[in-house]
Amino acid sequence: MQLTRTLRPLATAAVALLLGLALLPARDAPAAPVASVRPSELIAPSADARSLAVQPRAGLDASVLVTALGRMHLEARATGGAVDPVQVRVPAGEDSRALAGRLAGSGLAASVEEDTAVHAAGVPAAARYASGQQTVFEALRLPPVWSASGGEGVIVAVVDSGVDWDHPALASRIAVNQRDANFDGRDDDGSGCADDIAGCSFVSPETADPSCGAFFASPNWRASDDEGHGTFVAGLIAAAGTRSEIAGIAPGARILPVKVLDCTGTGRIAEASAGVRYAARMGAKVINLSFGTRTDSPALRAAVEEAQRLGVLIVASAGNDGRRGVTYPAAYPGVLSVAASGAVVDGALDYTRVAPFADFGVGVGLLAPGVGLLSALPPGRCGFDGWVCEGGPYARGDGSSFATPVVAAAAALVWSRNPDLTAAFIGGIVGSAHRSALPGEAGLLDISRAVEARLFAVGAPGLSRAADAPGARPGPAD
């Protein structure tokens, strides 16, 4: 946490003495007014800071400041022009905070802070970013706010066909449950799933397709992916790591695998409901549901409501039937429903338009790119069931199922920056952050707008409201 305080500078004469300058007026000449020196702003550096950035006080040239600091036996260098900051190296063995306080109190500086590193935003170091992801990232206005740690501290549950734990893009992003990691056959943490070190499977031998070879009674810890759908979803959210060739939208988030779909991509209401409840109990902040049904199921609705009571934001696919209206659970109150965007207009792919196969109209909360997305796939699924891998365990996919994790990841980005907000608040921010909406249709997700949203605006004395949440009036300019 940064600490800001104001320190009283030395008298102007003392500053002049340090610089070897004379401030006494000429004999019998009128006394020139002494310019007031504003107090220095000190941003306390970290204890191990090795360099400080010192902004010269008003009217003091950076080169003169370097000379003065040299007389204080400090190594300093100008970084640019006369008004640009000066870099000061913290001597070995010296307390960086004490030095920063001494410089702030010298009267030489307008501000003193740690010379921290800055990083290029929106340029993932991923081999396939430029060829397979850049267009989508730019359509979402993600590059200005993307970082390798985005989403840190947020668990996103992928309630789907499971996740390939060992995939190079995901191995470092799995949420590990150390409370039940001894594989002793007992439910040590009371989660309802024994030995669930990396998620849980609710697919049972009785309901799974016989070709899937589901031999173990559910629930069990075997939440690996035998279809590919869940791994693809997880890669869009949080792909990261030195071995990954793609970048997730929220690479700092953790993925909780919850398997409710079998190797054919089919599941049951009871198993899906159990999976949603499990994800909420295990601490997921966001639950991604990239499946749907036309049945308004009381059991599934109850599971969604329970998760919402536990403070979870649920993001769900609107459906791929190409018709007006959305499927369940996307249609339930409080669920952020997502439809795929991506239609060819004048020979070019336009992500502001609803994809031809996507459900649309009332009930769709947001559009997100759902055509031509590149993500992770279990190596064993390459070449099966329409999956075409591109030189490794990566493939392209279309569908509202894959637009949904784009929005789930955006929610993780916002939540990681504002961890004290509620699920409803996060959903309101993300759901209202869109652009290029056609009349009567949802708008394309704008991640920069969501991440940079002003959270509160003054309404009246003693009152405040969410600045960018639905129904809020714009506050005063920042």
Protein backbone atom coordinates (compact mmCIF):
# COMPACT_ATOMS: atom_id res chain seq x y z
CA MET A 1 0.00 0.00 0.00
CA GLN A 2 1.35 3.39 -0.91
CA LEU A 3 1.58 5.99 1.81
CA THR A 4 1.39 9.68 0.87
CA ARG A 5 2.38 12.41 3.28
CA THR A 6 3.46 16.02 3.13
CA LEU A 7 6.72 17.17 4.65
CA ARG A 8 7.70 20.79 5.35
CA PRO A 9 10.69 21.81 3.18
CA LEU A 10 13.63 23.77 4.48
CA ALA A 11 13.65 27.52 4.08
CA THR A 12 14.43 28.82 0.63
CA ALA A 13 17.66 30.31 1.90
CA ALA A 14 18.84 26.92 3.09
CA VAL A 15 18.18 25.50 -0.36
CA ALA A 16 20.17 28.30 -1.92
CA LEU A 17 23.05 27.71 0.51
CA LEU A 18 23.13 24.07 -0.50
CA LEU A 19 23.32 25.07 -4.17
CA GLY A 20 25.97 27.76 -3.53
CA LEU A 21 23.60 30.53 -4.70
CA ALA A 22 23.08 34.02 -3.18
CA LEU A 23 19.54 35.24 -2.51
CA LEU A 24 20.47 38.57 -0.84
CA PRO A 25 19.26 41.52 -2.93
CA ALA A 26 21.73 44.09 -4.28
CA ARG A 27 22.53 46.99 -1.92
CA ASP A 28 19.81 49.68 -1.89
CA ALA A 29 17.73 47.67 -4.43
CA PRO A 30 14.14 46.75 -3.68
CA ALA A 31 13.82 43.32 -2.11
CA ALA A 32 12.60 40.79 -4.67
CA PRO A 33 9.66 38.69 -3.52
CA VAL A 34 10.71 35.17 -2.47
CA ALA A 35 8.77 32.54 -4.37
CA SER A 36 6.92 30.17 -2.09
CA VAL A 37 8.08 26.54 -2.24
CA ARG A 38 5.25 23.98 -2.17
CA PRO A 39 5.62 21.06 0.24
CA SER A 40 7.10 17.96 -1.32
CA GLU A 41 4.87 14.97 -1.98
CA LEU A 42 6.38 11.75 -0.71
CA ILE A 43 5.18 8.38 -1.94
CA ALA A 44 6.90 6.05 0.50
CA PRO A 45 9.00 3.52 -1.43
CA SER A 46 9.22 -0.17 -0.69
CA ALA A 47 11.88 -1.22 1.81
CA ASP A 48 14.02 -2.80 -0.92
CA ALA A 49 13.78 0.05 -3.43
CA ARG A 50 17.06 0.56 -5.27
CA SER A 51 16.19 3.73 -7.17
CA LEU A 52 14.11 6.84 -6.49
CA ALA A 53 12.46 9.24 -8.93
CA VAL A 54 12.83 12.84 -7.75
CA GLN A 55 10.82 15.56 -9.48
CA PRO A 56 12.58 18.97 -9.25
CA ARG A 57 10.67 21.66 -7.39
CA ALA A 58 9.16 24.46 -9.42
CA GLY A 59 11.83 26.76 -10.84
CA LEU A 60 14.68 24.33 -10.24
CA ASP A 61 16.45 22.88 -13.28
CA ALA A 62 17.00 19.13 -13.25
CA SER A 63 20.72 19.60 -13.98
CA VAL A 64 21.07 21.84 -10.93
CA LEU A 65 19.25 19.21 -8.86
CA VAL A 66 21.72 16.56 -10.07
CA THR A 67 24.62 18.80 -8.97
CA ALA A 68 23.06 19.37 -5.55
CA LEU A 69 22.45 15.67 -5.05
CA GLY A 70 26.04 14.95 -6.03
CA ARG A 71 27.19 17.27 -3.23
CA MET A 72 25.08 15.11 -0.93
CA HIS A 73 27.22 12.14 -2.12
CA LEU A 74 24.34 10.60 -4.05
CA GLU A 75 24.52 9.10 -7.52
CA ALA A 76 21.95 10.94 -9.65
CA ARG A 77 21.21 11.35 -13.33
CA ALA A 78 18.79 13.48 -15.33
CA THR A 79 16.35 11.52 -17.46
CA GLY A 80 15.44 14.21 -19.97
CA GLY A 81 14.77 17.92 -19.96
CA ALA A 82 14.97 20.58 -17.27
CA VAL A 83 11.64 19.64 -15.66
CA ASP A 84 11.88 15.84 -15.98
CA PRO A 85 12.48 13.58 -12.97
CA VAL A 86 15.95 12.77 -11.75
CA GLN A 87 16.88 9.17 -10.95
CA VAL A 88 18.66 8.71 -7.64
CA ARG A 89 20.34 5.41 -6.80
CA VAL A 90 19.86 4.27 -3.21
CA PRO A 91 23.36 3.60 -1.79
CA ALA A 92 24.02 0.04 -0.70
CA GLY A 93 23.09 -0.46 2.93
CA GLU A 94 21.05 2.74 3.17
CA ASP A 95 17.38 2.72 4.15
CA SER A 96 15.46 3.74 1.01
CA ARG A 97 12.54 5.14 3.02
CA ALA A 98 14.81 7.27 5.19
CA LEU A 99 16.57 8.60 2.10
CA ALA A 100 13.24 9.39 0.44
CA GLY A 101 12.14 11.31 3.53
CA ARG A 102 15.41 13.23 3.61
CA LEU A 103 15.06 14.23 -0.05
CA ALA A 104 11.44 15.23 0.41
CA GLY A 105 12.43 17.45 3.32
CA SER A 106 15.34 19.08 1.51
CA GLY A 107 13.23 21.62 -0.36
CA LEU A 108 14.71 20.44 -3.65
CA ALA A 109 11.90 18.18 -4.76
CA ALA A 110 8.29 18.56 -5.83
CA SER A 111 7.88 14.82 -5.29
CA VAL A 112 9.86 11.76 -4.28
CA GLU A 113 8.83 8.19 -5.09
CA GLU A 114 10.22 4.79 -5.92
CA ASP A 115 11.40 4.53 -9.52
CA THR A 116 9.25 1.48 -10.12
CA ALA A 117 9.19 -0.55 -13.31
CA VAL A 118 6.47 0.01 -15.87
CA HIS A 119 5.41 -2.56 -18.41
CA ALA A 120 3.91 -2.35 -21.87
CA ALA A 121 0.16 -2.90 -21.67
CA GLY A 122 -1.72 -5.20 -23.96
CA VAL A 123 1.19 -7.03 -25.57
CA PRO A 124 1.11 -10.63 -24.36
CA ALA A 125 4.35 -12.51 -24.87
CA ALA A 126 2.52 -15.36 -26.58
CA ALA A 127 3.71 -16.94 -29.82
CA ARG A 128 0.26 -17.04 -31.39
CA TYR A 129 -1.06 -13.72 -30.15
CA ALA A 130 -0.50 -11.71 -33.33
CA SER A 131 -1.77 -14.43 -35.66
CA GLY A 132 -4.67 -15.76 -33.62
CA GLN A 133 -5.77 -13.38 -30.87
CA GLN A 134 -4.92 -9.76 -31.60
CA THR A 135 -8.04 -9.06 -33.66
CA VAL A 136 -10.32 -10.29 -30.88
CA PHE A 137 -8.40 -8.45 -28.15
CA GLU A 138 -8.61 -5.21 -30.11
CA ALA A 139 -12.33 -5.65 -30.80
CA LEU A 140 -12.85 -5.90 -27.03
CA ARG A 141 -10.62 -2.87 -26.40
CA LEU A 142 -8.60 -5.13 -24.11
CA PRO A 143 -4.95 -4.16 -24.91
CA PRO A 144 -4.96 -0.86 -22.95
CA VAL A 145 -5.86 -2.68 -19.71
CA TRP A 146 -4.42 -6.18 -20.25
CA SER A 147 -1.64 -7.40 -17.96
CA ALA A 148 -0.07 -10.73 -17.13
CA SER A 149 -1.53 -10.53 -13.62
CA GLY A 150 -5.03 -9.46 -14.63
CA GLY A 151 -7.68 -11.33 -12.66
CA GLU A 152 -5.30 -12.23 -9.86
CA GLY A 153 -7.06 -13.42 -6.71
CA VAL A 154 -10.27 -14.43 -8.51
CA ILE A 155 -11.35 -18.06 -8.95
CA VAL A 156 -13.43 -18.71 -12.06
CA ALA A 157 -15.26 -22.03 -12.06
CA VAL A 158 -15.59 -23.66 -15.48
CA VAL A 159 -18.67 -25.86 -15.09
CA ASP A 160 -18.31 -27.82 -18.30
CA SER A 161 -16.68 -30.96 -19.71
CA GLY A 162 -13.69 -30.67 -17.38
CA VAL A 163 -10.28 -29.09 -17.94
CA ASP A 164 -6.98 -30.55 -19.12
CA TRP A 165 -4.91 -29.95 -15.99
CA ASP A 166 -1.61 -30.62 -17.77
CA HIS A 167 -2.12 -28.40 -20.78
CA PRO A 168 0.88 -26.04 -21.15
CA ALA A 169 -1.45 -23.04 -21.23
CA LEU A 170 -3.36 -24.05 -18.09
CA ALA A 171 -1.15 -26.15 -15.80
CA SER A 172 -0.14 -23.09 -13.77
CA ARG A 173 -3.66 -21.65 -13.61
CA ILE A 174 -5.60 -24.46 -11.90
CA ALA A 175 -7.07 -23.67 -8.48
CA VAL A 176 -5.46 -26.25 -6.18
CA ASN A 177 -7.34 -27.39 -3.08
CA GLN A 178 -4.67 -28.23 -0.50
CA ARG A 179 -7.27 -29.10 2.16
CA ASP A 180 -8.09 -32.40 0.47
CA ALA A 181 -4.94 -33.35 -1.39
CA ASN A 182 -3.91 -36.66 0.15
CA PHE A 183 -6.01 -39.04 -1.98
CA ASP A 184 -7.14 -41.07 1.00
CA GLY A 185 -10.67 -41.55 -0.32
CA ARG A 186 -12.18 -39.30 2.34
CA ASP A 187 -13.84 -35.89 1.97
CA ASP A 188 -11.43 -34.15 4.34
CA ASP A 189 -12.69 -30.61 3.73
CA GLY A 190 -16.42 -31.36 3.63
CA SER A 191 -16.79 -30.15 0.05
CA GLY A 192 -18.93 -33.12 -0.93
CA CYS A 193 -16.21 -34.47 -3.22
CA ALA A 194 -13.40 -36.65 -1.87
CA ASP A 195 -9.78 -35.86 -2.84
CA ASP A 196 -10.82 -32.89 -4.98
CA ILE A 197 -7.38 -31.34 -5.28
CA ALA A 198 -8.22 -29.86 -8.70
CA GLY A 199 -11.98 -29.76 -9.04
CA CYS A 200 -14.71 -32.39 -9.14
CA SER A 201 -16.63 -34.48 -11.66
CA PHE A 202 -20.38 -35.01 -11.34
CA VAL A 203 -20.68 -37.17 -14.46
CA SER A 204 -21.92 -40.63 -13.47
CA PRO A 205 -21.62 -44.01 -15.23
CA GLU A 206 -25.43 -44.27 -15.20
CA THR A 207 -26.01 -41.13 -17.28
CA ALA A 208 -22.83 -40.74 -19.36
CA ASP A 209 -22.68 -42.05 -22.91
CA PRO A 210 -21.25 -45.60 -22.83
CA SER A 211 -18.47 -44.56 -25.20
CA CYS A 212 -17.06 -42.23 -22.53
CA GLY A 213 -15.93 -44.99 -20.19
CA ALA A 214 -17.19 -43.29 -17.03
CA PHE A 215 -16.34 -46.08 -14.59
CA PHE A 216 -16.22 -44.20 -11.30
CA ALA A 217 -19.15 -43.23 -9.11
CA SER A 218 -19.78 -39.50 -8.89
CA PRO A 219 -18.88 -37.14 -7.46
CA ASN A 220 -15.17 -37.84 -7.80
CA TRP A 221 -11.95 -35.94 -8.32
CA ARG A 222 -11.49 -36.94 -11.99
CA ALA A 223 -12.44 -33.59 -13.55
CA SER A 224 -10.14 -33.92 -16.56
CA ASP A 225 -11.54 -33.09 -19.99
CA ASP A 226 -12.43 -35.86 -22.42
CA GLU A 227 -14.33 -33.64 -24.90
CA GLY A 228 -12.29 -30.44 -25.29
CA HIS A 229 -15.04 -27.89 -24.71
CA GLY A 230 -14.12 -27.07 -21.10
CA THR A 231 -10.42 -26.74 -21.83
CA PHE A 232 -11.17 -24.39 -24.71
CA VAL A 233 -13.35 -22.26 -22.38
CA ALA A 234 -10.66 -22.23 -19.67
CA GLY A 235 -7.97 -21.18 -22.14
CA LEU A 236 -9.95 -18.14 -23.22
CA ILE A 237 -10.23 -17.07 -19.58
CA ALA A 238 -6.79 -17.65 -18.11
CA ALA A 239 -4.23 -19.19 -20.47
CA ALA A 240 -0.80 -18.25 -19.18
CA GLY A 241 2.64 -19.57 -18.35
CA THR A 242 6.00 -19.73 -20.03
CA ARG A 243 4.98 -22.76 -22.10
CA SER A 244 1.71 -21.26 -23.31
CA GLU A 245 1.48 -20.10 -26.90
CA ILE A 246 -1.68 -18.05 -26.27
CA ALA A 247 -2.79 -15.50 -23.68
CA GLY A 248 -5.96 -15.55 -21.63
CA ILE A 249 -8.03 -12.43 -21.09
CA ALA A 250 -7.49 -12.72 -17.31
CA PRO A 251 -4.25 -14.73 -17.07
CA GLY A 252 -3.89 -14.06 -13.35
CA ALA A 253 -7.18 -15.77 -12.49
CA ARG A 254 -7.42 -19.35 -11.26
CA ILE A 255 -9.58 -21.99 -12.95
CA LEU A 256 -11.71 -24.40 -10.91
CA PRO A 257 -12.61 -27.40 -13.12
CA VAL A 258 -16.13 -28.75 -12.53
CA LYS A 259 -17.11 -31.58 -14.87
CA VAL A 260 -20.84 -31.92 -15.63
CA LEU A 261 -20.68 -32.79 -19.36
CA ASP A 262 -19.54 -36.15 -20.67
CA CYS A 263 -17.30 -36.92 -23.64
CA THR A 264 -20.12 -36.08 -26.05
CA GLY A 265 -20.70 -32.65 -24.51
CA THR A 266 -23.98 -33.76 -22.94
CA GLY A 267 -25.04 -33.41 -19.32
CA ARG A 268 -28.02 -33.75 -17.02
CA ILE A 269 -29.96 -31.16 -15.02
CA ALA A 270 -29.22 -32.86 -11.69
CA GLU A 271 -25.49 -33.06 -12.34
CA ALA A 272 -25.26 -29.50 -13.63
CA SER A 273 -27.11 -28.24 -10.56
CA ALA A 274 -24.76 -30.12 -8.24
CA GLY A 275 -21.78 -28.69 -10.10
CA VAL A 276 -22.99 -25.11 -9.69
CA ARG A 277 -23.49 -25.59 -5.95
CA TYR A 278 -20.06 -27.19 -5.58
CA ALA A 279 -18.35 -24.31 -7.41
CA ALA A 280 -19.99 -21.77 -5.13
CA ARG A 281 -19.04 -23.70 -1.97
CA MET A 282 -15.42 -23.93 -3.14
CA GLY A 283 -15.01 -20.16 -3.30
CA ALA A 284 -15.50 -19.37 -6.97
CA LYS A 285 -16.29 -15.69 -7.50
CA VAL A 286 -17.38 -16.20 -11.12
CA ILE A 287 -19.07 -19.31 -12.52
CA ASN A 288 -18.96 -19.80 -16.29
CA LEU A 289 -21.85 -21.85 -17.71
CA SER A 290 -21.29 -22.47 -21.41
CA PHE A 291 -24.26 -24.80 -21.78
CA GLY A 292 -28.00 -24.34 -21.98
CA THR A 293 -31.41 -25.96 -22.04
CA ARG A 294 -34.85 -24.84 -23.17
CA THR A 295 -36.27 -26.34 -19.96
CA ASP A 296 -36.94 -23.95 -17.09
CA SER A 297 -35.65 -26.35 -14.46
CA PRO A 298 -36.59 -25.70 -10.80
CA ALA A 299 -33.49 -27.62 -9.70
CA LEU A 300 -31.09 -25.63 -11.86
CA ARG A 301 -32.79 -22.36 -10.93
CA ALA A 302 -32.44 -23.21 -7.23
CA ALA A 303 -28.74 -23.97 -7.66
CA VAL A 304 -28.18 -20.66 -9.43
CA GLU A 305 -30.02 -18.79 -6.70
CA GLU A 306 -27.99 -20.50 -3.98
CA ALA A 307 -24.75 -19.56 -5.71
CA GLN A 308 -25.93 -15.97 -6.02
CA ARG A 309 -26.74 -15.88 -2.30
CA LEU A 310 -23.15 -16.96 -1.66
CA GLY A 311 -21.91 -13.94 -3.61
CA VAL A 312 -21.14 -15.52 -6.97
CA LEU A 313 -21.54 -13.87 -10.36
CA ILE A 314 -22.88 -16.33 -12.94
CA VAL A 315 -22.15 -15.79 -16.63
CA ALA A 316 -24.02 -18.04 -19.06
CA SER A 317 -24.39 -18.69 -22.77
CA ALA A 318 -27.54 -17.32 -24.39
CA GLY A 319 -27.60 -20.20 -26.87
CA ASN A 320 -26.78 -21.11 -30.46
CA ASP A 321 -30.23 -21.70 -31.96
CA GLY A 322 -30.15 -18.55 -34.09
CA ARG A 323 -33.50 -17.39 -32.77
CA ARG A 324 -34.88 -14.67 -30.56
CA GLY A 325 -34.76 -15.37 -26.83
CA VAL A 326 -32.24 -17.11 -24.60
CA THR A 327 -31.83 -20.52 -23.03
CA TYR A 328 -31.63 -21.42 -19.35
CA PRO A 329 -29.72 -20.80 -17.09
CA ALA A 330 -28.87 -17.58 -18.99
CA ALA A 331 -32.50 -16.51 -18.69
CA TYR A 332 -32.58 -16.61 -14.89
CA PRO A 333 -32.61 -13.30 -12.97
CA GLY A 334 -29.20 -11.94 -12.08
CA VAL A 335 -27.36 -14.12 -14.60
CA LEU A 336 -25.23 -12.23 -17.11
CA SER A 337 -26.23 -13.73 -20.47
CA VAL A 338 -23.88 -13.65 -23.44
CA ALA A 339 -24.37 -14.15 -27.17
CA ALA A 340 -21.67 -14.59 -29.78
CA SER A 341 -20.82 -11.74 -32.11
CA GLY A 342 -19.14 -11.98 -35.47
CA ALA A 343 -20.88 -11.50 -38.81
CA VAL A 344 -19.38 -10.87 -42.21
CA VAL A 345 -20.31 -7.39 -43.44
CA ASP A 346 -18.94 -6.14 -46.76
CA GLY A 347 -16.43 -8.98 -46.80
CA ALA A 348 -15.05 -8.28 -43.32
CA LEU A 349 -15.79 -9.88 -39.93
CA ASP A 350 -17.68 -7.38 -37.76
CA TYR A 351 -17.70 -8.24 -34.06
CA THR A 352 -20.32 -5.60 -33.28
CA ARG A 353 -22.96 -7.73 -35.04
CA VAL A 354 -24.69 -10.81 -33.68
CA ALA A 355 -23.29 -14.03 -35.13
CA PRO A 356 -25.76 -15.76 -37.51
CA PHE A 357 -26.03 -18.83 -35.27
CA ALA A 358 -26.42 -16.99 -31.95
CA ASP A 359 -29.61 -16.36 -30.03
CA PHE A 360 -30.48 -12.68 -29.85
CA GLY A 361 -32.94 -10.08 -28.66
CA VAL A 362 -34.45 -9.50 -25.22
CA GLY A 363 -32.59 -11.39 -22.53
CA VAL A 364 -29.12 -11.10 -24.05
CA GLY A 365 -26.98 -8.96 -21.78
CA LEU A 366 -23.84 -8.62 -23.86
CA LEU A 367 -22.23 -9.58 -27.12
CA ALA A 368 -18.69 -10.91 -27.16
CA PRO A 369 -16.60 -12.31 -30.02
CA GLY A 370 -17.64 -15.88 -30.73
CA VAL A 371 -16.24 -16.53 -34.22
CA GLY A 372 -12.71 -17.62 -35.04
CA LEU A 373 -11.47 -17.76 -31.45
CA LEU A 374 -8.16 -19.51 -30.74
CA SER A 375 -7.75 -21.42 -27.51
CA ALA A 376 -6.37 -24.51 -25.80
CA LEU A 377 -7.40 -28.09 -26.48
CA PRO A 378 -6.38 -31.41 -24.89
CA PRO A 379 -3.82 -32.96 -27.24
CA GLY A 380 -5.81 -36.18 -27.34
CA ARG A 381 -8.82 -34.38 -28.84
CA CYS A 382 -7.02 -33.04 -31.90
CA GLY A 383 -8.69 -34.41 -35.00
CA PHE A 384 -11.78 -35.72 -33.21
CA ASP A 385 -15.36 -34.39 -33.27
CA GLY A 386 -14.50 -31.51 -35.56
CA TRP A 387 -11.55 -30.19 -33.55
CA VAL A 388 -8.76 -29.15 -35.91
CA CYS A 389 -5.53 -28.35 -34.11
CA GLU A 390 -3.01 -25.86 -35.47
CA GLY A 391 0.50 -27.17 -34.95
CA GLY A 392 -0.04 -28.20 -31.35
CA PRO A 393 -2.78 -28.45 -28.71
CA TYR A 394 -4.54 -25.28 -29.91
CA ALA A 395 -7.64 -24.98 -32.08
CA ARG A 396 -10.25 -22.49 -33.24
CA GLY A 397 -13.89 -22.50 -32.26
CA ASP A 398 -17.17 -20.66 -32.87
CA GLY A 399 -20.15 -20.30 -30.59
CA SER A 400 -21.86 -18.43 -27.78
CA SER A 401 -20.25 -21.04 -25.53
CA PHE A 402 -16.92 -19.39 -26.29
CA ALA A 403 -18.18 -15.82 -26.13
CA THR A 404 -19.31 -16.51 -22.56
CA PRO A 405 -15.84 -17.01 -21.01
CA VAL A 406 -14.72 -13.75 -22.61
CA VAL A 407 -17.26 -11.97 -20.40
CA ALA A 408 -16.46 -14.16 -17.37
CA ALA A 409 -12.80 -13.19 -17.74
CA ALA A 410 -13.71 -9.51 -18.01
CA ALA A 411 -15.60 -9.84 -14.72
CA ALA A 412 -12.50 -11.38 -13.14
CA LEU A 413 -10.42 -8.42 -14.35
CA VAL A 414 -12.79 -5.91 -12.78
CA TRP A 415 -13.17 -7.90 -9.56
CA SER A 416 -9.42 -8.29 -9.07
CA ARG A 417 -9.08 -4.51 -9.10
CA ASN A 418 -12.10 -3.98 -6.83
CA PRO A 419 -12.16 -7.02 -4.51
CA ASP A 420 -14.62 -5.50 -2.03
CA LEU A 421 -17.46 -5.09 -4.53
CA THR A 422 -20.41 -7.47 -4.67
CA ALA A 423 -21.27 -9.84 -7.49
CA ALA A 424 -24.29 -7.73 -8.41
CA PHE A 425 -22.10 -4.64 -8.61
CA ILE A 426 -19.49 -6.38 -10.77
CA GLY A 427 -22.23 -7.73 -13.02
CA GLY A 428 -23.67 -4.23 -13.35
CA ILE A 429 -20.32 -2.74 -14.32
CA VAL A 430 -19.48 -5.41 -16.89
CA GLY A 431 -23.03 -5.64 -18.22
CA SER A 432 -23.20 -1.91 -18.89
CA ALA A 433 -19.73 -1.70 -20.48
CA HIS A 434 -20.58 -2.06 -24.14
CA ARG A 435 -20.50 -0.17 -27.40
CA SER A 436 -21.88 -0.25 -30.93
CA ALA A 437 -25.28 -1.57 -29.90
CA LEU A 438 -27.85 -1.86 -32.66
CA PRO A 439 -31.43 -0.82 -31.80
CA GLY A 440 -33.08 -3.52 -29.71
CA GLU A 441 -29.92 -5.62 -29.49
CA ALA A 442 -27.10 -6.07 -27.01
CA GLY A 443 -23.82 -4.21 -27.44
CA LEU A 444 -20.29 -5.53 -27.83
CA LEU A 445 -18.37 -5.85 -24.57
CA ASP A 446 -15.87 -3.02 -24.00
CA ILE A 447 -13.34 -4.32 -21.49
CA SER A 448 -11.44 -1.04 -21.16
CA ARG A 449 -14.64 0.72 -20.20
CA ALA A 450 -15.45 -1.98 -17.64
CA VAL A 451 -12.02 -1.94 -16.02
CA GLU A 452 -11.75 1.85 -15.96
CA ALA A 453 -15.33 2.48 -14.82
CA ARG A 454 -15.83 5.21 -12.23
CA LEU A 455 -17.34 3.33 -9.34
CA PHE A 456 -19.01 6.12 -7.40
CA ALA A 457 -20.37 9.56 -8.21
CA VAL A 458 -21.60 12.20 -5.80
CA GLY A 459 -25.38 12.52 -5.93
CA ALA A 460 -26.34 14.73 -2.98
CA PRO A 461 -24.76 15.62 0.36
CA GLY A 462 -24.21 12.39 2.26
CA LEU A 463 -25.23 10.17 -0.67
CA SER A 464 -23.41 8.37 -3.43
CA ARG A 465 -24.29 5.91 -6.15
CA ALA A 466 -22.54 3.64 -8.60
CA ALA A 467 -21.38 5.84 -11.44
CA ASP A 468 -21.58 3.31 -14.24
CA ALA A 469 -24.04 0.78 -12.88
CA PRO A 470 -27.44 0.51 -14.56
CA GLY A 471 -29.70 3.44 -13.70
CA ALA A 472 -26.95 5.66 -12.33
CA ARG A 473 -26.63 9.24 -13.46
CA PRO A 474 -23.22 10.44 -14.59
CA GLY A 475 -21.24 12.11 -11.82
CA PRO A 476 -19.00 15.12 -12.06
CA ALA A 477 -16.02 14.94 -14.34
CA ASP A 478 -12.92 13.41 -12.81
